[in-house]
Amino acid sequence: MLSTMQDVPLTVTRILHHGMTIHAKSQVTTWTGESEPQRRSFAEVGARAAQLAGALRDELGVTGDERIATLMWNNSEHVEAYFAIPCMGAVLHTLNLRLPPEQLVWIVNHAADRVVLANGSLLPLLVPLLPHLPTIEHVVVSGPGDRGPLAEAVAATDGRVRVHEYEDLIAGHPTTYDWPELDER
């Protein structure tokens, strides 16, 4: 129902802007148990989300409402993806690492994902799936983990899949993004 009072779209972009201004100094902390916790302010997370959105659009060609999968732990890079992807108008969906491989394959293929963001430590779960994911063109990897098996799996796709390091992908992209006005209705 349309009304005349406070007609403001309740979008993820508004949440991002609110957090970057009102809670700019609040910390997002990632601790893997292996080293010192990584801390970023909410303002930094927002800036990095803008860099990720720019990289997805400019480097990987993500447009419109394309679907992007994530196979990640709850960490700052995943929070950045949670903001960047829906704010740019694309569709983010997480892959539940506890599902059996055949269900993950079905989910990715049904969504026709072109891009999957994954933590390096979860590559042993992703690598065996790649030959069964014909729509995947890009794998973006963040954090520690052995990339060797991923290189072998990518070679088996005859160049269909390209691998990108998260930090290298976002490096050099502006920390601001011209977020589209999305209609919540």
N, C-alpha and C. Protein backbone atom coordinates (compact mmCIF):
# COMPACT_ATOMS: atom_id res chain seq x y z
N MET A 1 0.85 -1.17 0.00
CA MET A 1 0.00 0.00 0.00
C MET A 1 0.89 1.23 0.00
N LEU A 2 0.62 2.15 -0.91
CA LEU A 2 1.37 3.39 -0.97
C LEU A 2 0.79 4.38 0.02
N SER A 3 1.66 5.14 0.65
CA SER A 3 1.20 6.15 1.59
C SER A 3 1.99 7.43 1.36
N THR A 4 1.63 8.47 2.03
CA THR A 4 2.33 9.75 1.87
C THR A 4 3.32 10.01 2.98
N MET A 5 3.39 9.14 3.95
CA MET A 5 4.26 9.38 5.09
C MET A 5 5.56 8.57 4.96
N GLN A 6 6.68 9.23 5.05
CA GLN A 6 7.99 8.60 5.06
C GLN A 6 8.16 7.59 3.93
N ASP A 7 7.84 8.00 2.73
CA ASP A 7 7.98 7.11 1.59
C ASP A 7 9.43 7.09 1.14
N VAL A 8 10.22 6.27 1.82
CA VAL A 8 11.64 6.13 1.54
C VAL A 8 11.91 4.65 1.30
N PRO A 9 12.59 4.34 0.20
CA PRO A 9 12.89 2.93 -0.05
C PRO A 9 13.72 2.31 1.08
N LEU A 10 13.32 1.18 1.55
CA LEU A 10 14.06 0.49 2.61
C LEU A 10 14.97 -0.54 1.95
N THR A 11 16.09 -0.06 1.43
CA THR A 11 17.00 -0.91 0.69
C THR A 11 18.30 -1.12 1.47
N VAL A 12 19.07 -2.09 1.02
CA VAL A 12 20.37 -2.37 1.64
C VAL A 12 21.29 -1.16 1.49
N THR A 13 21.15 -0.43 0.39
CA THR A 13 21.97 0.75 0.18
C THR A 13 21.76 1.78 1.30
N ARG A 14 20.53 1.95 1.72
CA ARG A 14 20.25 2.89 2.82
C ARG A 14 20.89 2.39 4.11
N ILE A 15 20.88 1.10 4.34
CA ILE A 15 21.52 0.54 5.53
C ILE A 15 23.03 0.80 5.46
N LEU A 16 23.61 0.60 4.29
CA LEU A 16 25.04 0.84 4.11
C LEU A 16 25.38 2.30 4.39
N HIS A 17 24.65 3.23 3.79
CA HIS A 17 24.91 4.65 4.01
C HIS A 17 24.74 5.02 5.49
N HIS A 18 23.71 4.50 6.11
CA HIS A 18 23.48 4.78 7.53
C HIS A 18 24.66 4.29 8.37
N GLY A 19 25.07 3.06 8.13
CA GLY A 19 26.19 2.50 8.88
C GLY A 19 27.48 3.26 8.67
N MET A 20 27.72 3.71 7.44
CA MET A 20 28.97 4.42 7.13
C MET A 20 29.00 5.81 7.76
N THR A 21 27.85 6.37 8.03
CA THR A 21 27.83 7.72 8.62
C THR A 21 27.62 7.67 10.13
N ILE A 22 26.61 6.98 10.58
CA ILE A 22 26.27 6.96 12.00
C ILE A 22 27.20 6.04 12.80
N HIS A 23 27.59 4.93 12.20
CA HIS A 23 28.42 3.94 12.91
C HIS A 23 29.79 3.77 12.24
N ALA A 24 30.30 4.84 11.65
CA ALA A 24 31.53 4.78 10.86
C ALA A 24 32.71 4.18 11.62
N LYS A 25 32.80 4.44 12.91
CA LYS A 25 33.95 3.97 13.70
C LYS A 25 33.74 2.59 14.32
N SER A 26 32.52 2.07 14.23
CA SER A 26 32.26 0.72 14.77
C SER A 26 33.14 -0.29 14.04
N GLN A 27 33.55 -1.32 14.76
CA GLN A 27 34.50 -2.28 14.22
C GLN A 27 33.81 -3.55 13.73
N VAL A 28 34.28 -4.03 12.59
CA VAL A 28 33.94 -5.36 12.10
C VAL A 28 35.20 -6.19 12.33
N THR A 29 35.09 -7.22 13.14
CA THR A 29 36.25 -8.01 13.53
C THR A 29 36.15 -9.41 12.95
N THR A 30 37.23 -9.84 12.32
CA THR A 30 37.32 -11.20 11.80
C THR A 30 38.45 -11.90 12.52
N TRP A 31 38.14 -13.03 13.11
CA TRP A 31 39.16 -13.82 13.78
C TRP A 31 39.07 -15.23 13.27
N THR A 32 40.14 -15.73 12.70
CA THR A 32 40.16 -17.09 12.14
C THR A 32 40.73 -18.10 13.12
N GLY A 33 41.31 -17.61 14.22
CA GLY A 33 41.93 -18.51 15.18
C GLY A 33 43.39 -18.76 14.87
N GLU A 34 43.86 -18.30 13.70
CA GLU A 34 45.23 -18.56 13.30
C GLU A 34 46.17 -17.38 13.51
N SER A 35 45.63 -16.19 13.59
CA SER A 35 46.48 -15.01 13.75
C SER A 35 45.70 -13.96 14.53
N GLU A 36 46.29 -12.78 14.61
CA GLU A 36 45.59 -11.68 15.30
C GLU A 36 44.29 -11.36 14.57
N PRO A 37 43.26 -10.95 15.31
CA PRO A 37 42.00 -10.58 14.65
C PRO A 37 42.21 -9.42 13.67
N GLN A 38 41.48 -9.47 12.58
CA GLN A 38 41.50 -8.39 11.60
C GLN A 38 40.36 -7.44 11.96
N ARG A 39 40.66 -6.16 12.05
CA ARG A 39 39.65 -5.17 12.40
C ARG A 39 39.55 -4.12 11.30
N ARG A 40 38.30 -3.83 10.93
CA ARG A 40 38.03 -2.76 9.99
C ARG A 40 36.87 -1.95 10.53
N SER A 41 36.92 -0.65 10.34
CA SER A 41 35.78 0.17 10.74
C SER A 41 34.66 -0.04 9.73
N PHE A 42 33.44 0.29 10.15
CA PHE A 42 32.31 0.16 9.24
C PHE A 42 32.51 1.06 8.03
N ALA A 43 33.13 2.22 8.22
CA ALA A 43 33.42 3.11 7.09
C ALA A 43 34.36 2.42 6.09
N GLU A 44 35.37 1.70 6.61
CA GLU A 44 36.28 0.96 5.73
C GLU A 44 35.56 -0.16 5.00
N VAL A 45 34.70 -0.87 5.70
CA VAL A 45 33.92 -1.95 5.08
C VAL A 45 33.07 -1.38 3.95
N GLY A 46 32.45 -0.23 4.19
CA GLY A 46 31.65 0.40 3.15
C GLY A 46 32.47 0.82 1.95
N ALA A 47 33.64 1.37 2.19
CA ALA A 47 34.52 1.77 1.10
C ALA A 47 34.98 0.55 0.29
N ARG A 48 35.30 -0.53 1.00
CA ARG A 48 35.72 -1.76 0.32
C ARG A 48 34.55 -2.41 -0.43
N ALA A 49 33.33 -2.26 0.09
CA ALA A 49 32.16 -2.76 -0.63
C ALA A 49 32.01 -2.01 -1.95
N ALA A 50 32.26 -0.71 -1.93
CA ALA A 50 32.21 0.07 -3.16
C ALA A 50 33.28 -0.40 -4.14
N GLN A 51 34.48 -0.68 -3.63
CA GLN A 51 35.54 -1.20 -4.49
C GLN A 51 35.15 -2.55 -5.09
N LEU A 52 34.54 -3.40 -4.27
CA LEU A 52 34.11 -4.71 -4.78
C LEU A 52 33.05 -4.55 -5.85
N ALA A 53 32.08 -3.68 -5.62
CA ALA A 53 31.03 -3.46 -6.63
C ALA A 53 31.65 -2.96 -7.93
N GLY A 54 32.58 -2.03 -7.83
CA GLY A 54 33.25 -1.53 -9.02
C GLY A 54 34.01 -2.62 -9.75
N ALA A 55 34.69 -3.46 -9.00
CA ALA A 55 35.46 -4.56 -9.61
C ALA A 55 34.53 -5.58 -10.26
N LEU A 56 33.43 -5.91 -9.59
CA LEU A 56 32.49 -6.86 -10.17
C LEU A 56 31.93 -6.33 -11.49
N ARG A 57 31.61 -5.05 -11.51
CA ARG A 57 31.06 -4.44 -12.73
C ARG A 57 32.14 -4.29 -13.80
N ASP A 58 33.25 -3.65 -13.45
CA ASP A 58 34.24 -3.27 -14.45
C ASP A 58 35.16 -4.41 -14.88
N GLU A 59 35.53 -5.26 -13.94
CA GLU A 59 36.48 -6.33 -14.26
C GLU A 59 35.79 -7.64 -14.67
N LEU A 60 34.66 -7.95 -13.99
CA LEU A 60 34.01 -9.23 -14.24
C LEU A 60 32.73 -9.11 -15.05
N GLY A 61 32.31 -7.89 -15.35
CA GLY A 61 31.16 -7.68 -16.22
C GLY A 61 29.81 -7.97 -15.60
N VAL A 62 29.70 -7.91 -14.28
CA VAL A 62 28.42 -8.16 -13.62
C VAL A 62 27.49 -6.97 -13.86
N THR A 63 26.33 -7.23 -14.39
CA THR A 63 25.34 -6.18 -14.66
C THR A 63 23.97 -6.63 -14.19
N GLY A 64 23.09 -5.66 -14.06
CA GLY A 64 21.69 -5.95 -13.76
C GLY A 64 21.51 -6.83 -12.55
N ASP A 65 20.62 -7.79 -12.69
CA ASP A 65 20.27 -8.65 -11.56
C ASP A 65 20.93 -10.02 -11.66
N GLU A 66 22.16 -10.06 -12.16
CA GLU A 66 22.87 -11.33 -12.22
C GLU A 66 23.09 -11.88 -10.82
N ARG A 67 23.21 -13.19 -10.73
CA ARG A 67 23.39 -13.85 -9.45
C ARG A 67 24.87 -14.10 -9.18
N ILE A 68 25.24 -13.88 -7.91
CA ILE A 68 26.61 -14.12 -7.46
C ILE A 68 26.54 -14.97 -6.21
N ALA A 69 27.27 -16.07 -6.22
CA ALA A 69 27.28 -16.98 -5.08
C ALA A 69 28.46 -16.65 -4.17
N THR A 70 28.28 -16.93 -2.89
CA THR A 70 29.38 -16.82 -1.94
C THR A 70 29.50 -18.15 -1.20
N LEU A 71 30.72 -18.59 -1.05
CA LEU A 71 31.04 -19.76 -0.24
C LEU A 71 32.11 -19.26 0.73
N MET A 72 31.61 -18.62 1.80
CA MET A 72 32.51 -17.90 2.69
C MET A 72 32.10 -18.09 4.14
N TRP A 73 33.08 -17.88 5.01
CA TRP A 73 32.82 -17.82 6.43
C TRP A 73 32.24 -16.45 6.76
N ASN A 74 31.80 -16.28 7.99
CA ASN A 74 31.32 -14.97 8.45
C ASN A 74 32.54 -14.10 8.75
N ASN A 75 32.97 -13.34 7.75
CA ASN A 75 34.14 -12.49 7.92
C ASN A 75 33.90 -11.15 7.24
N SER A 76 34.86 -10.25 7.34
CA SER A 76 34.65 -8.90 6.81
C SER A 76 34.47 -8.90 5.29
N GLU A 77 35.16 -9.77 4.57
CA GLU A 77 34.98 -9.82 3.12
C GLU A 77 33.56 -10.27 2.76
N HIS A 78 33.00 -11.15 3.56
CA HIS A 78 31.62 -11.59 3.31
C HIS A 78 30.65 -10.45 3.59
N VAL A 79 30.91 -9.67 4.63
CA VAL A 79 30.07 -8.50 4.91
C VAL A 79 30.17 -7.51 3.75
N GLU A 80 31.37 -7.32 3.22
CA GLU A 80 31.53 -6.43 2.07
C GLU A 80 30.71 -6.92 0.88
N ALA A 81 30.72 -8.22 0.65
CA ALA A 81 29.91 -8.78 -0.44
C ALA A 81 28.42 -8.61 -0.17
N TYR A 82 28.02 -8.78 1.11
CA TYR A 82 26.61 -8.63 1.49
C TYR A 82 26.10 -7.23 1.19
N PHE A 83 26.98 -6.24 1.22
CA PHE A 83 26.58 -4.88 0.87
C PHE A 83 26.76 -4.62 -0.62
N ALA A 84 27.90 -4.94 -1.17
CA ALA A 84 28.23 -4.59 -2.55
C ALA A 84 27.25 -5.19 -3.55
N ILE A 85 26.98 -6.46 -3.43
CA ILE A 85 26.22 -7.15 -4.46
C ILE A 85 24.77 -6.68 -4.54
N PRO A 86 24.00 -6.70 -3.45
CA PRO A 86 22.62 -6.21 -3.58
C PRO A 86 22.54 -4.71 -3.83
N CYS A 87 23.48 -3.94 -3.29
CA CYS A 87 23.44 -2.49 -3.51
C CYS A 87 23.66 -2.14 -4.98
N MET A 88 24.43 -2.95 -5.70
CA MET A 88 24.66 -2.68 -7.11
C MET A 88 23.53 -3.22 -7.99
N GLY A 89 22.57 -3.90 -7.37
CA GLY A 89 21.42 -4.41 -8.10
C GLY A 89 21.50 -5.87 -8.49
N ALA A 90 22.61 -6.52 -8.15
CA ALA A 90 22.75 -7.95 -8.42
C ALA A 90 22.15 -8.74 -7.27
N VAL A 91 22.15 -10.05 -7.41
CA VAL A 91 21.53 -10.92 -6.40
C VAL A 91 22.62 -11.76 -5.74
N LEU A 92 22.72 -11.64 -4.43
CA LEU A 92 23.68 -12.41 -3.66
C LEU A 92 22.99 -13.63 -3.07
N HIS A 93 23.61 -14.76 -3.19
CA HIS A 93 23.10 -15.92 -2.43
C HIS A 93 24.28 -16.72 -1.90
N THR A 94 24.12 -17.09 -0.65
CA THR A 94 25.18 -17.85 0.00
C THR A 94 24.99 -19.33 -0.29
N LEU A 95 26.10 -20.02 -0.39
CA LEU A 95 26.08 -21.47 -0.54
C LEU A 95 26.35 -22.07 0.83
N ASN A 96 25.45 -22.88 1.29
CA ASN A 96 25.57 -23.50 2.60
C ASN A 96 26.60 -24.61 2.52
N LEU A 97 27.75 -24.40 3.16
CA LEU A 97 28.83 -25.37 3.07
C LEU A 97 28.50 -26.71 3.72
N ARG A 98 27.39 -26.77 4.42
CA ARG A 98 27.00 -28.04 5.06
C ARG A 98 26.12 -28.91 4.15
N LEU A 99 25.74 -28.39 3.00
CA LEU A 99 24.94 -29.17 2.06
C LEU A 99 25.82 -30.16 1.31
N PRO A 100 25.23 -31.27 0.87
CA PRO A 100 26.00 -32.23 0.07
C PRO A 100 26.38 -31.61 -1.29
N PRO A 101 27.48 -32.07 -1.87
CA PRO A 101 27.95 -31.49 -3.13
C PRO A 101 26.90 -31.45 -4.24
N GLU A 102 26.12 -32.49 -4.40
CA GLU A 102 25.12 -32.49 -5.49
C GLU A 102 24.07 -31.40 -5.31
N GLN A 103 23.76 -31.04 -4.08
CA GLN A 103 22.81 -29.96 -3.85
C GLN A 103 23.45 -28.60 -4.15
N LEU A 104 24.73 -28.43 -3.81
CA LEU A 104 25.42 -27.19 -4.14
C LEU A 104 25.50 -27.01 -5.65
N VAL A 105 25.80 -28.09 -6.36
CA VAL A 105 25.83 -28.03 -7.83
C VAL A 105 24.48 -27.61 -8.37
N TRP A 106 23.42 -28.21 -7.87
CA TRP A 106 22.08 -27.87 -8.35
C TRP A 106 21.77 -26.40 -8.09
N ILE A 107 22.10 -25.91 -6.90
CA ILE A 107 21.80 -24.52 -6.54
C ILE A 107 22.54 -23.55 -7.47
N VAL A 108 23.83 -23.76 -7.68
CA VAL A 108 24.61 -22.86 -8.53
C VAL A 108 24.11 -22.91 -9.97
N ASN A 109 23.83 -24.11 -10.47
CA ASN A 109 23.36 -24.24 -11.84
C ASN A 109 21.96 -23.65 -12.01
N HIS A 110 21.10 -23.84 -11.04
CA HIS A 110 19.74 -23.29 -11.12
C HIS A 110 19.79 -21.76 -11.11
N ALA A 111 20.68 -21.20 -10.32
CA ALA A 111 20.81 -19.74 -10.26
C ALA A 111 21.56 -19.18 -11.47
N ALA A 112 22.27 -20.03 -12.19
CA ALA A 112 23.11 -19.61 -13.32
C ALA A 112 24.14 -18.58 -12.88
N ASP A 113 24.76 -18.84 -11.74
CA ASP A 113 25.81 -17.96 -11.23
C ASP A 113 26.95 -17.88 -12.24
N ARG A 114 27.47 -16.66 -12.45
CA ARG A 114 28.67 -16.46 -13.26
C ARG A 114 29.89 -16.30 -12.39
N VAL A 115 29.67 -15.85 -11.14
CA VAL A 115 30.76 -15.54 -10.23
C VAL A 115 30.49 -16.23 -8.90
N VAL A 116 31.55 -16.76 -8.30
CA VAL A 116 31.47 -17.27 -6.94
C VAL A 116 32.64 -16.67 -6.15
N LEU A 117 32.32 -16.11 -4.98
CA LEU A 117 33.34 -15.62 -4.06
C LEU A 117 33.54 -16.70 -3.01
N ALA A 118 34.79 -17.07 -2.74
CA ALA A 118 35.05 -18.15 -1.81
C ALA A 118 36.24 -17.82 -0.92
N ASN A 119 36.19 -18.32 0.30
CA ASN A 119 37.35 -18.23 1.18
C ASN A 119 38.32 -19.33 0.78
N GLY A 120 39.60 -19.00 0.86
CA GLY A 120 40.62 -19.97 0.49
C GLY A 120 40.53 -21.27 1.26
N SER A 121 40.14 -21.18 2.52
CA SER A 121 40.04 -22.40 3.34
C SER A 121 38.89 -23.30 2.90
N LEU A 122 37.97 -22.78 2.08
CA LEU A 122 36.84 -23.59 1.61
C LEU A 122 37.03 -24.11 0.18
N LEU A 123 38.20 -23.86 -0.40
CA LEU A 123 38.46 -24.34 -1.75
C LEU A 123 38.38 -25.86 -1.87
N PRO A 124 38.77 -26.64 -0.84
CA PRO A 124 38.61 -28.09 -0.97
C PRO A 124 37.14 -28.51 -1.20
N LEU A 125 36.20 -27.69 -0.77
CA LEU A 125 34.79 -27.97 -1.03
C LEU A 125 34.39 -27.53 -2.43
N LEU A 126 34.91 -26.40 -2.89
CA LEU A 126 34.53 -25.83 -4.19
C LEU A 126 35.19 -26.53 -5.37
N VAL A 127 36.46 -26.86 -5.25
CA VAL A 127 37.24 -27.40 -6.38
C VAL A 127 36.58 -28.61 -7.04
N PRO A 128 36.11 -29.62 -6.30
CA PRO A 128 35.51 -30.77 -6.98
C PRO A 128 34.19 -30.43 -7.70
N LEU A 129 33.57 -29.31 -7.33
CA LEU A 129 32.30 -28.93 -7.95
C LEU A 129 32.49 -28.24 -9.29
N LEU A 130 33.62 -27.55 -9.49
CA LEU A 130 33.82 -26.71 -10.67
C LEU A 130 33.54 -27.40 -12.00
N PRO A 131 33.95 -28.65 -12.21
CA PRO A 131 33.65 -29.28 -13.50
C PRO A 131 32.14 -29.42 -13.76
N HIS A 132 31.34 -29.34 -12.72
CA HIS A 132 29.89 -29.51 -12.84
C HIS A 132 29.14 -28.18 -12.83
N LEU A 133 29.87 -27.07 -12.91
CA LEU A 133 29.27 -25.74 -12.83
C LEU A 133 29.56 -24.98 -14.13
N PRO A 134 28.81 -25.28 -15.20
CA PRO A 134 29.14 -24.69 -16.50
C PRO A 134 28.91 -23.18 -16.61
N THR A 135 28.14 -22.60 -15.71
CA THR A 135 27.89 -21.15 -15.81
C THR A 135 28.94 -20.31 -15.08
N ILE A 136 29.74 -20.93 -14.23
CA ILE A 136 30.76 -20.18 -13.49
C ILE A 136 31.88 -19.77 -14.43
N GLU A 137 32.14 -18.45 -14.43
CA GLU A 137 33.22 -17.89 -15.24
C GLU A 137 34.35 -17.33 -14.38
N HIS A 138 34.01 -16.94 -13.14
CA HIS A 138 35.00 -16.30 -12.27
C HIS A 138 34.90 -16.86 -10.86
N VAL A 139 36.05 -17.15 -10.29
CA VAL A 139 36.15 -17.53 -8.88
C VAL A 139 37.03 -16.47 -8.22
N VAL A 140 36.48 -15.81 -7.20
CA VAL A 140 37.21 -14.79 -6.46
C VAL A 140 37.54 -15.37 -5.09
N VAL A 141 38.83 -15.43 -4.76
CA VAL A 141 39.28 -16.11 -3.54
C VAL A 141 39.85 -15.09 -2.56
N SER A 142 39.42 -15.21 -1.30
CA SER A 142 39.96 -14.34 -0.25
C SER A 142 40.53 -15.19 0.87
N GLY A 143 41.53 -14.64 1.52
CA GLY A 143 42.08 -15.28 2.71
C GLY A 143 42.99 -16.45 2.41
N PRO A 144 43.54 -17.02 3.50
CA PRO A 144 44.50 -18.11 3.34
C PRO A 144 43.83 -19.38 2.86
N GLY A 145 44.63 -20.21 2.21
CA GLY A 145 44.18 -21.50 1.70
C GLY A 145 45.02 -21.88 0.49
N ASP A 146 45.18 -23.17 0.28
CA ASP A 146 45.98 -23.69 -0.82
C ASP A 146 45.25 -23.51 -2.14
N ARG A 147 45.84 -22.70 -3.05
CA ARG A 147 45.24 -22.44 -4.37
C ARG A 147 45.64 -23.50 -5.40
N GLY A 148 46.57 -24.37 -5.08
CA GLY A 148 47.06 -25.37 -6.03
C GLY A 148 45.96 -26.22 -6.67
N PRO A 149 45.12 -26.87 -5.87
CA PRO A 149 44.05 -27.68 -6.47
C PRO A 149 43.08 -26.86 -7.33
N LEU A 150 42.89 -25.59 -6.98
CA LEU A 150 42.02 -24.72 -7.76
C LEU A 150 42.61 -24.50 -9.15
N ALA A 151 43.92 -24.30 -9.22
CA ALA A 151 44.58 -24.10 -10.51
C ALA A 151 44.39 -25.31 -11.41
N GLU A 152 44.49 -26.50 -10.83
CA GLU A 152 44.30 -27.73 -11.61
C GLU A 152 42.86 -27.85 -12.11
N ALA A 153 41.89 -27.53 -11.26
CA ALA A 153 40.48 -27.61 -11.66
C ALA A 153 40.15 -26.60 -12.74
N VAL A 154 40.72 -25.40 -12.64
CA VAL A 154 40.49 -24.36 -13.65
C VAL A 154 41.08 -24.79 -14.98
N ALA A 155 42.27 -25.40 -14.95
CA ALA A 155 42.89 -25.87 -16.19
C ALA A 155 42.00 -26.90 -16.88
N ALA A 156 41.28 -27.68 -16.10
CA ALA A 156 40.38 -28.69 -16.67
C ALA A 156 39.14 -28.08 -17.32
N THR A 157 38.88 -26.79 -17.08
CA THR A 157 37.71 -26.14 -17.69
C THR A 157 38.07 -25.48 -19.02
N ASP A 158 39.28 -25.71 -19.53
CA ASP A 158 39.75 -25.16 -20.81
C ASP A 158 39.62 -23.64 -20.86
N GLY A 159 39.96 -22.98 -19.76
CA GLY A 159 39.97 -21.54 -19.74
C GLY A 159 38.63 -20.87 -19.51
N ARG A 160 37.58 -21.65 -19.28
CA ARG A 160 36.26 -21.07 -19.03
C ARG A 160 36.24 -20.30 -17.73
N VAL A 161 36.97 -20.78 -16.72
CA VAL A 161 36.96 -20.16 -15.40
C VAL A 161 38.27 -19.39 -15.19
N ARG A 162 38.11 -18.16 -14.69
CA ARG A 162 39.27 -17.35 -14.32
C ARG A 162 39.26 -17.17 -12.80
N VAL A 163 40.45 -17.19 -12.21
CA VAL A 163 40.58 -17.05 -10.76
C VAL A 163 41.15 -15.66 -10.46
N HIS A 164 40.56 -15.02 -9.44
CA HIS A 164 40.99 -13.69 -9.03
C HIS A 164 41.23 -13.70 -7.53
N GLU A 165 42.28 -13.05 -7.10
CA GLU A 165 42.50 -12.84 -5.68
C GLU A 165 41.67 -11.63 -5.28
N TYR A 166 40.92 -11.75 -4.21
CA TYR A 166 40.00 -10.69 -3.76
C TYR A 166 40.70 -9.35 -3.62
N GLU A 167 41.80 -9.32 -2.89
CA GLU A 167 42.50 -8.06 -2.64
C GLU A 167 43.05 -7.46 -3.93
N ASP A 168 43.56 -8.30 -4.82
CA ASP A 168 44.07 -7.79 -6.10
C ASP A 168 42.92 -7.27 -6.96
N LEU A 169 41.79 -7.93 -6.91
CA LEU A 169 40.64 -7.53 -7.72
C LEU A 169 40.11 -6.16 -7.32
N ILE A 170 40.01 -5.90 -6.03
CA ILE A 170 39.44 -4.62 -5.60
C ILE A 170 40.46 -3.49 -5.58
N ALA A 171 41.75 -3.83 -5.58
CA ALA A 171 42.80 -2.82 -5.50
C ALA A 171 42.67 -1.82 -6.64
N GLY A 172 42.79 -0.56 -6.30
CA GLY A 172 42.78 0.48 -7.31
C GLY A 172 41.40 0.95 -7.73
N HIS A 173 40.37 0.26 -7.29
CA HIS A 173 39.01 0.71 -7.62
C HIS A 173 38.60 1.80 -6.64
N PRO A 174 37.77 2.75 -7.10
CA PRO A 174 37.35 3.85 -6.22
C PRO A 174 36.63 3.34 -4.98
N THR A 175 36.78 4.08 -3.90
CA THR A 175 36.11 3.73 -2.64
C THR A 175 34.70 4.30 -2.57
N THR A 176 34.23 4.82 -3.68
CA THR A 176 32.83 5.26 -3.80
C THR A 176 32.24 4.58 -5.02
N TYR A 177 30.94 4.47 -5.04
CA TYR A 177 30.24 3.80 -6.14
C TYR A 177 28.93 4.52 -6.35
N ASP A 178 28.54 4.69 -7.58
CA ASP A 178 27.28 5.33 -7.90
C ASP A 178 26.18 4.26 -7.81
N TRP A 179 25.75 3.99 -6.57
CA TRP A 179 24.75 2.94 -6.34
C TRP A 179 23.45 3.29 -7.08
N PRO A 180 22.86 2.36 -7.78
CA PRO A 180 21.60 2.67 -8.49
C PRO A 180 20.45 2.83 -7.50
N GLU A 181 19.46 3.61 -7.90
CA GLU A 181 18.24 3.74 -7.11
C GLU A 181 17.38 2.51 -7.42
N LEU A 182 17.26 1.63 -6.47
CA LEU A 182 16.50 0.41 -6.67
C LEU A 182 15.11 0.57 -6.08
N ASP A 183 14.12 0.06 -6.78
CA ASP A 183 12.75 0.12 -6.30
C ASP A 183 12.49 -1.06 -5.38
N GLU A 184 12.21 -0.80 -4.14
CA GLU A 184 11.97 -1.89 -3.19
C GLU A 184 10.67 -2.63 -3.49
N ARG A 185 9.81 -2.02 -4.27
CA ARG A 185 8.53 -2.64 -4.57
C ARG A 185 8.65 -3.61 -5.72
